[in-house]
Amino acid sequence: MSEQPQPDQLAKRRRTKNLALAGVLLVMVVLFYIITVVRMGGN
């Protein structure tokens, strides 16, 4: 039988997942910003 993870382990895993998701979102926002600045600067 598999034992259930402890609540603190679940919270830690959830926090890590949220931080990773926030990091990906931040990278996408910065990338879109850079692309926009480069495209507008070319005119």
N, C-alpha and C. Protein backbone atom coordinates (compact mmCIF):
# COMPACT_ATOMS: atom_id res chain seq x y z
N MET A 1 0.84 -1.20 0.00
CA MET A 1 0.00 0.00 0.00
C MET A 1 0.87 1.25 0.00
N SER A 2 0.39 2.26 -0.66
CA SER A 2 1.13 3.52 -0.68
C SER A 2 0.59 4.43 0.42
N GLU A 3 1.50 5.03 1.13
CA GLU A 3 1.06 5.92 2.20
C GLU A 3 0.84 7.33 1.66
N GLN A 4 -0.10 8.03 2.26
CA GLN A 4 -0.44 9.38 1.82
C GLN A 4 0.68 10.35 2.24
N PRO A 5 1.01 11.32 1.37
CA PRO A 5 2.00 12.34 1.77
C PRO A 5 1.47 13.18 2.93
N GLN A 6 2.39 13.65 3.72
CA GLN A 6 2.01 14.49 4.85
C GLN A 6 1.55 15.86 4.34
N PRO A 7 0.70 16.55 5.11
CA PRO A 7 0.21 17.87 4.67
C PRO A 7 1.34 18.87 4.40
N ASP A 8 2.41 18.83 5.19
CA ASP A 8 3.50 19.77 4.95
C ASP A 8 4.23 19.45 3.64
N GLN A 9 4.29 18.16 3.29
CA GLN A 9 4.90 17.79 2.01
C GLN A 9 4.04 18.27 0.85
N LEU A 10 2.73 18.15 1.00
CA LEU A 10 1.82 18.63 -0.04
C LEU A 10 1.94 20.13 -0.22
N ALA A 11 2.02 20.86 0.89
CA ALA A 11 2.13 22.31 0.82
C ALA A 11 3.45 22.72 0.15
N LYS A 12 4.52 22.01 0.47
CA LYS A 12 5.82 22.32 -0.13
C LYS A 12 5.79 22.05 -1.63
N ARG A 13 5.18 20.92 -2.02
CA ARG A 13 5.09 20.58 -3.44
C ARG A 13 4.24 21.61 -4.18
N ARG A 14 3.14 22.03 -3.55
CA ARG A 14 2.25 23.02 -4.18
C ARG A 14 2.98 24.36 -4.34
N ARG A 15 3.75 24.74 -3.31
CA ARG A 15 4.48 26.01 -3.37
C ARG A 15 5.54 25.97 -4.48
N THR A 16 6.23 24.84 -4.61
CA THR A 16 7.24 24.71 -5.65
C THR A 16 6.60 24.80 -7.03
N LYS A 17 5.45 24.14 -7.19
CA LYS A 17 4.74 24.17 -8.47
C LYS A 17 4.28 25.60 -8.79
N ASN A 18 3.77 26.31 -7.79
CA ASN A 18 3.31 27.68 -8.00
C ASN A 18 4.48 28.60 -8.36
N LEU A 19 5.61 28.43 -7.70
CA LEU A 19 6.78 29.26 -8.01
C LEU A 19 7.28 28.99 -9.43
N ALA A 20 7.26 27.73 -9.86
CA ALA A 20 7.68 27.39 -11.22
C ALA A 20 6.72 28.02 -12.23
N LEU A 21 5.44 27.95 -11.94
CA LEU A 21 4.45 28.53 -12.85
C LEU A 21 4.60 30.05 -12.92
N ALA A 22 4.86 30.68 -11.79
CA ALA A 22 5.07 32.13 -11.76
C ALA A 22 6.33 32.50 -12.55
N GLY A 23 7.36 31.68 -12.45
CA GLY A 23 8.59 31.93 -13.20
C GLY A 23 8.38 31.85 -14.70
N VAL A 24 7.62 30.84 -15.14
CA VAL A 24 7.33 30.70 -16.57
C VAL A 24 6.51 31.89 -17.06
N LEU A 25 5.53 32.30 -16.26
CA LEU A 25 4.70 33.44 -16.63
C LEU A 25 5.54 34.72 -16.73
N LEU A 26 6.44 34.92 -15.78
CA LEU A 26 7.30 36.09 -15.79
C LEU A 26 8.20 36.11 -17.03
N VAL A 27 8.75 34.96 -17.38
CA VAL A 27 9.60 34.87 -18.57
C VAL A 27 8.80 35.22 -19.83
N MET A 28 7.56 34.73 -19.91
CA MET A 28 6.73 35.05 -21.08
C MET A 28 6.42 36.54 -21.16
N VAL A 29 6.12 37.17 -20.03
CA VAL A 29 5.82 38.60 -20.01
C VAL A 29 7.04 39.40 -20.47
N VAL A 30 8.21 39.05 -19.95
CA VAL A 30 9.43 39.75 -20.33
C VAL A 30 9.72 39.55 -21.82
N LEU A 31 9.51 38.34 -22.31
CA LEU A 31 9.75 38.05 -23.72
C LEU A 31 8.82 38.87 -24.61
N PHE A 32 7.54 38.94 -24.28
CA PHE A 32 6.61 39.75 -25.05
C PHE A 32 6.99 41.23 -25.00
N TYR A 33 7.44 41.70 -23.84
CA TYR A 33 7.85 43.09 -23.71
C TYR A 33 9.04 43.40 -24.61
N ILE A 34 10.04 42.51 -24.59
CA ILE A 34 11.22 42.71 -25.42
C ILE A 34 10.86 42.69 -26.90
N ILE A 35 10.02 41.73 -27.30
CA ILE A 35 9.61 41.65 -28.70
C ILE A 35 8.89 42.94 -29.12
N THR A 36 8.02 43.44 -28.26
CA THR A 36 7.28 44.67 -28.57
C THR A 36 8.22 45.86 -28.70
N VAL A 37 9.17 45.99 -27.80
CA VAL A 37 10.12 47.12 -27.86
C VAL A 37 10.97 47.03 -29.13
N VAL A 38 11.41 45.84 -29.47
CA VAL A 38 12.24 45.68 -30.67
C VAL A 38 11.44 46.02 -31.92
N ARG A 39 10.18 45.56 -31.99
CA ARG A 39 9.36 45.83 -33.18
C ARG A 39 9.04 47.31 -33.28
N MET A 40 8.75 47.97 -32.18
CA MET A 40 8.42 49.41 -32.22
C MET A 40 9.68 50.23 -32.50
N GLY A 41 10.82 49.77 -32.02
CA GLY A 41 12.06 50.51 -32.22
C GLY A 41 12.55 50.44 -33.66
N GLY A 42 12.07 49.46 -34.42
CA GLY A 42 12.51 49.30 -35.80
C GLY A 42 11.90 50.31 -36.75
N ASN A 43 10.86 51.02 -36.35
CA ASN A 43 10.18 51.96 -37.25
C ASN A 43 10.90 53.27 -37.34
